N, C-alpha and C. Protein backbone atom coordinates (compact mmCIF):
# COMPACT_ATOMS: atom_id res chain seq x y z
N MET A 1 88.91 165.85 156.23
CA MET A 1 88.18 165.16 155.18
C MET A 1 87.31 166.17 154.45
N ILE A 2 87.28 166.07 153.15
CA ILE A 2 86.52 166.98 152.31
C ILE A 2 85.12 166.42 152.11
N ASN A 3 84.14 167.30 152.26
CA ASN A 3 82.75 166.90 152.06
C ASN A 3 82.42 167.00 150.56
N THR A 4 82.24 165.88 149.91
CA THR A 4 81.92 165.88 148.47
C THR A 4 80.45 165.59 148.21
N LYS A 5 79.66 165.52 149.25
CA LYS A 5 78.24 165.19 149.09
C LYS A 5 77.53 166.18 148.17
N LYS A 6 77.82 167.47 148.31
CA LYS A 6 77.19 168.48 147.47
C LYS A 6 77.57 168.27 146.01
N ASP A 7 78.80 167.91 145.75
CA ASP A 7 79.27 167.70 144.38
C ASP A 7 78.68 166.44 143.75
N ASP A 8 78.27 165.48 144.56
CA ASP A 8 77.73 164.23 144.04
C ASP A 8 76.28 164.39 143.57
N LYS A 9 75.58 165.41 144.05
CA LYS A 9 74.17 165.57 143.69
C LYS A 9 73.95 165.70 142.19
N PRO A 10 74.69 166.57 141.49
CA PRO A 10 74.46 166.64 140.04
C PRO A 10 74.74 165.32 139.32
N ALA A 11 75.77 164.62 139.74
CA ALA A 11 76.10 163.33 139.11
C ALA A 11 75.00 162.31 139.39
N ASP A 12 74.50 162.31 140.62
CA ASP A 12 73.41 161.40 140.96
C ASP A 12 72.15 161.72 140.15
N PHE A 13 71.85 163.01 140.02
CA PHE A 13 70.68 163.42 139.25
C PHE A 13 70.83 162.98 137.80
N GLU A 14 72.00 163.22 137.21
CA GLU A 14 72.22 162.84 135.82
C GLU A 14 72.10 161.33 135.63
N LYS A 15 72.66 160.58 136.55
CA LYS A 15 72.58 159.12 136.47
C LYS A 15 71.12 158.67 136.55
N THR A 16 70.38 159.27 137.48
CA THR A 16 68.97 158.91 137.66
C THR A 16 68.14 159.28 136.45
N ILE A 17 68.32 160.49 135.92
CA ILE A 17 67.51 160.93 134.78
C ILE A 17 67.84 160.09 133.55
N ARG A 18 69.10 159.72 133.38
CA ARG A 18 69.47 158.87 132.25
C ARG A 18 68.78 157.51 132.34
N GLU A 19 68.72 156.96 133.54
CA GLU A 19 68.05 155.67 133.72
C GLU A 19 66.56 155.80 133.43
N TYR A 20 65.92 156.87 133.91
CA TYR A 20 64.50 157.06 133.65
C TYR A 20 64.23 157.33 132.17
N LEU A 21 65.14 158.03 131.50
CA LEU A 21 65.00 158.25 130.06
C LEU A 21 65.08 156.92 129.32
N ARG A 22 66.00 156.06 129.74
CA ARG A 22 66.12 154.74 129.13
C ARG A 22 64.82 153.95 129.33
N GLN A 23 64.29 153.99 130.55
CA GLN A 23 63.03 153.30 130.84
C GLN A 23 61.90 153.83 129.96
N ALA A 24 61.84 155.15 129.81
CA ALA A 24 60.78 155.76 129.00
C ALA A 24 60.89 155.32 127.55
N ARG A 25 62.11 155.30 127.01
CA ARG A 25 62.29 154.85 125.62
C ARG A 25 61.84 153.40 125.46
N GLU A 26 62.18 152.57 126.43
CA GLU A 26 61.77 151.16 126.38
C GLU A 26 60.25 151.03 126.45
N LYS A 27 59.62 151.81 127.34
CA LYS A 27 58.16 151.77 127.45
C LYS A 27 57.52 152.21 126.13
N LEU A 28 58.03 153.28 125.58
CA LEU A 28 57.48 153.81 124.33
C LEU A 28 57.68 152.81 123.20
N LYS A 29 58.82 152.14 123.20
CA LYS A 29 59.13 151.17 122.14
C LYS A 29 58.30 149.89 122.27
N ASN A 30 58.14 149.40 123.50
CA ASN A 30 57.55 148.07 123.70
C ASN A 30 56.11 148.07 124.22
N ASP A 31 55.80 148.94 125.14
CA ASP A 31 54.51 148.88 125.83
C ASP A 31 53.47 149.85 125.30
N LEU A 32 53.90 151.00 124.85
CA LEU A 32 52.96 152.07 124.52
C LEU A 32 52.79 152.22 123.01
N VAL A 33 52.38 151.15 122.37
CA VAL A 33 52.23 151.15 120.92
C VAL A 33 51.20 152.19 120.48
N GLY A 34 50.10 152.28 121.21
CA GLY A 34 49.07 153.27 120.88
C GLY A 34 49.59 154.69 120.97
N THR A 35 50.42 154.96 121.96
CA THR A 35 51.01 156.29 122.11
C THR A 35 51.92 156.59 120.93
N ARG A 36 52.72 155.62 120.53
CA ARG A 36 53.61 155.80 119.37
C ARG A 36 52.79 156.09 118.11
N GLU A 37 51.71 155.34 117.93
CA GLU A 37 50.87 155.55 116.76
C GLU A 37 50.23 156.94 116.79
N ALA A 38 49.77 157.36 117.97
CA ALA A 38 49.17 158.69 118.11
C ALA A 38 50.18 159.78 117.80
N ILE A 39 51.40 159.61 118.26
CA ILE A 39 52.46 160.58 117.98
C ILE A 39 52.69 160.67 116.47
N GLY A 40 52.71 159.53 115.79
CA GLY A 40 52.87 159.53 114.34
C GLY A 40 51.74 160.25 113.63
N MET A 41 50.52 160.03 114.09
CA MET A 41 49.36 160.69 113.49
C MET A 41 49.41 162.20 113.73
N ILE A 42 49.78 162.60 114.93
CA ILE A 42 49.88 164.02 115.25
C ILE A 42 50.97 164.67 114.40
N ALA A 43 52.10 163.99 114.24
CA ALA A 43 53.21 164.53 113.44
C ALA A 43 52.78 164.73 111.99
N ALA A 44 52.04 163.77 111.44
CA ALA A 44 51.56 163.90 110.06
C ALA A 44 50.62 165.10 109.93
N GLU A 45 49.76 165.26 110.93
CA GLU A 45 48.83 166.39 110.93
C GLU A 45 49.58 167.72 111.04
N LYS A 46 50.56 167.78 111.94
CA LYS A 46 51.34 169.01 112.11
C LYS A 46 52.11 169.35 110.84
N THR A 47 52.63 168.33 110.17
CA THR A 47 53.34 168.55 108.91
C THR A 47 52.40 169.14 107.87
N ARG A 48 51.20 168.57 107.79
CA ARG A 48 50.21 169.08 106.83
C ARG A 48 49.84 170.54 107.16
N TYR A 49 49.64 170.85 108.45
CA TYR A 49 49.33 172.23 108.85
C TYR A 49 50.47 173.18 108.51
N PHE A 50 51.69 172.71 108.71
CA PHE A 50 52.85 173.54 108.41
C PHE A 50 52.89 173.88 106.92
N VAL A 51 52.70 172.88 106.08
CA VAL A 51 52.74 173.10 104.63
C VAL A 51 51.63 174.08 104.22
N GLU A 52 50.44 173.91 104.79
CA GLU A 52 49.33 174.80 104.47
C GLU A 52 49.59 176.22 104.97
N ALA A 53 50.05 176.35 106.21
CA ALA A 53 50.25 177.67 106.81
C ALA A 53 51.39 178.44 106.14
N MET A 54 52.44 177.74 105.80
CA MET A 54 53.59 178.40 105.19
C MET A 54 53.41 178.57 103.69
N ASP A 55 52.37 177.92 103.16
CA ASP A 55 52.08 177.99 101.73
C ASP A 55 53.31 177.63 100.90
N VAL A 56 53.95 176.54 101.31
CA VAL A 56 55.11 176.05 100.57
C VAL A 56 54.84 174.63 100.09
N GLY A 57 55.44 174.31 99.00
CA GLY A 57 55.31 172.95 98.49
C GLY A 57 56.53 172.15 98.88
N LEU A 58 56.31 171.12 99.64
CA LEU A 58 57.41 170.23 100.00
C LEU A 58 57.25 168.93 99.23
N ASN A 59 58.37 168.40 98.77
CA ASN A 59 58.28 167.10 98.10
C ASN A 59 58.11 166.02 99.17
N ALA A 60 57.90 164.80 98.74
CA ALA A 60 57.62 163.69 99.68
C ALA A 60 58.75 163.48 100.67
N ASP A 61 60.00 163.58 100.21
CA ASP A 61 61.14 163.39 101.12
C ASP A 61 61.20 164.49 102.18
N GLU A 62 60.92 165.72 101.79
CA GLU A 62 60.93 166.83 102.74
C GLU A 62 59.80 166.69 103.76
N LYS A 63 58.63 166.29 103.31
CA LYS A 63 57.51 166.06 104.23
C LYS A 63 57.84 164.94 105.21
N ASP A 64 58.44 163.88 104.70
CA ASP A 64 58.83 162.75 105.55
C ASP A 64 59.87 163.18 106.58
N PHE A 65 60.85 163.99 106.15
CA PHE A 65 61.87 164.48 107.07
C PHE A 65 61.24 165.34 108.16
N LEU A 66 60.36 166.25 107.78
CA LEU A 66 59.70 167.12 108.75
C LEU A 66 58.87 166.31 109.73
N SER A 67 58.16 165.34 109.22
CA SER A 67 57.34 164.48 110.08
C SER A 67 58.22 163.71 111.07
N LYS A 68 59.33 163.16 110.60
CA LYS A 68 60.25 162.44 111.48
C LYS A 68 60.87 163.37 112.53
N LEU A 69 61.12 164.61 112.16
CA LEU A 69 61.64 165.59 113.11
C LEU A 69 60.62 165.86 114.22
N VAL A 70 59.36 166.01 113.84
CA VAL A 70 58.30 166.23 114.83
C VAL A 70 58.16 165.00 115.72
N ILE A 71 58.18 163.81 115.13
CA ILE A 71 58.07 162.57 115.90
C ILE A 71 59.21 162.46 116.90
N SER A 72 60.44 162.68 116.47
CA SER A 72 61.57 162.55 117.40
C SER A 72 61.49 163.57 118.52
N SER A 73 61.01 164.77 118.21
CA SER A 73 60.85 165.78 119.26
C SER A 73 59.77 165.38 120.26
N MET A 74 58.69 164.80 119.77
CA MET A 74 57.62 164.36 120.66
C MET A 74 58.06 163.17 121.51
N TYR A 75 58.82 162.26 120.92
CA TYR A 75 59.37 161.13 121.69
C TYR A 75 60.26 161.66 122.81
N GLN A 76 61.13 162.61 122.46
CA GLN A 76 62.04 163.17 123.45
C GLN A 76 61.26 163.87 124.56
N SER A 77 60.25 164.62 124.20
CA SER A 77 59.42 165.30 125.21
C SER A 77 58.74 164.29 126.12
N PHE A 78 58.21 163.23 125.54
CA PHE A 78 57.58 162.18 126.34
C PHE A 78 58.59 161.59 127.32
N CYS A 79 59.77 161.27 126.83
CA CYS A 79 60.77 160.62 127.68
C CYS A 79 61.21 161.54 128.83
N TYR A 80 61.43 162.82 128.54
CA TYR A 80 61.81 163.74 129.61
C TYR A 80 60.67 163.95 130.59
N GLY A 81 59.44 164.04 130.09
CA GLY A 81 58.30 164.16 130.99
C GLY A 81 58.16 162.95 131.89
N TYR A 82 58.36 161.78 131.34
CA TYR A 82 58.31 160.54 132.12
C TYR A 82 59.40 160.56 133.18
N GLY A 83 60.62 160.89 132.77
CA GLY A 83 61.75 160.90 133.71
C GLY A 83 61.57 161.92 134.83
N ILE A 84 61.15 163.11 134.47
CA ILE A 84 60.95 164.15 135.48
C ILE A 84 59.81 163.76 136.41
N GLY A 85 58.76 163.17 135.86
CA GLY A 85 57.65 162.71 136.71
C GLY A 85 58.10 161.65 137.69
N LYS A 86 58.96 160.73 137.25
CA LYS A 86 59.49 159.70 138.15
C LYS A 86 60.32 160.32 139.26
N ILE A 87 61.14 161.30 138.92
CA ILE A 87 61.96 161.97 139.94
C ILE A 87 61.08 162.72 140.92
N GLU A 88 60.06 163.43 140.42
CA GLU A 88 59.15 164.14 141.31
C GLU A 88 58.44 163.17 142.24
N GLU A 89 58.04 162.04 141.72
CA GLU A 89 57.37 161.03 142.55
C GLU A 89 58.32 160.49 143.62
N LYS A 90 59.54 160.23 143.23
CA LYS A 90 60.52 159.66 144.15
C LYS A 90 60.93 160.65 145.24
N THR A 91 61.09 161.91 144.87
CA THR A 91 61.58 162.91 145.82
C THR A 91 60.46 163.70 146.50
N GLN A 92 59.22 163.56 145.98
CA GLN A 92 58.08 164.31 146.50
C GLN A 92 58.31 165.82 146.42
N THR A 93 59.01 166.26 145.38
CA THR A 93 59.24 167.69 145.13
C THR A 93 58.96 167.98 143.66
N ARG A 94 58.56 169.23 143.41
CA ARG A 94 58.32 169.65 142.03
C ARG A 94 59.64 170.05 141.41
N ILE A 95 59.78 169.76 140.13
CA ILE A 95 60.96 170.16 139.38
C ILE A 95 60.52 171.21 138.37
N TYR A 96 61.18 172.34 138.39
CA TYR A 96 60.89 173.42 137.46
C TYR A 96 62.07 173.55 136.50
N LEU A 97 61.75 173.58 135.21
CA LEU A 97 62.80 173.70 134.20
C LEU A 97 62.93 175.12 133.75
């Protein structure tokens, strides 16, 4: 009989992290309204700093796109941080990326 337990670990990890990412998105969407609003405010501020620092003029659509890019990146970071934190809590081990 072949031992496939070692091969199942990556699949189990991926399945678990996907579930935690889904949970994080749901929390961010439904429960953490203040966090979502704060992320939007931070993104607007970062966009303004970018325009000032780069000394470039962006039209409204470009500023909106940049702001949405920052927001989506922050949402993704939140979700991965949530998921990794849940795994660390469950396994009682630190995860280093």
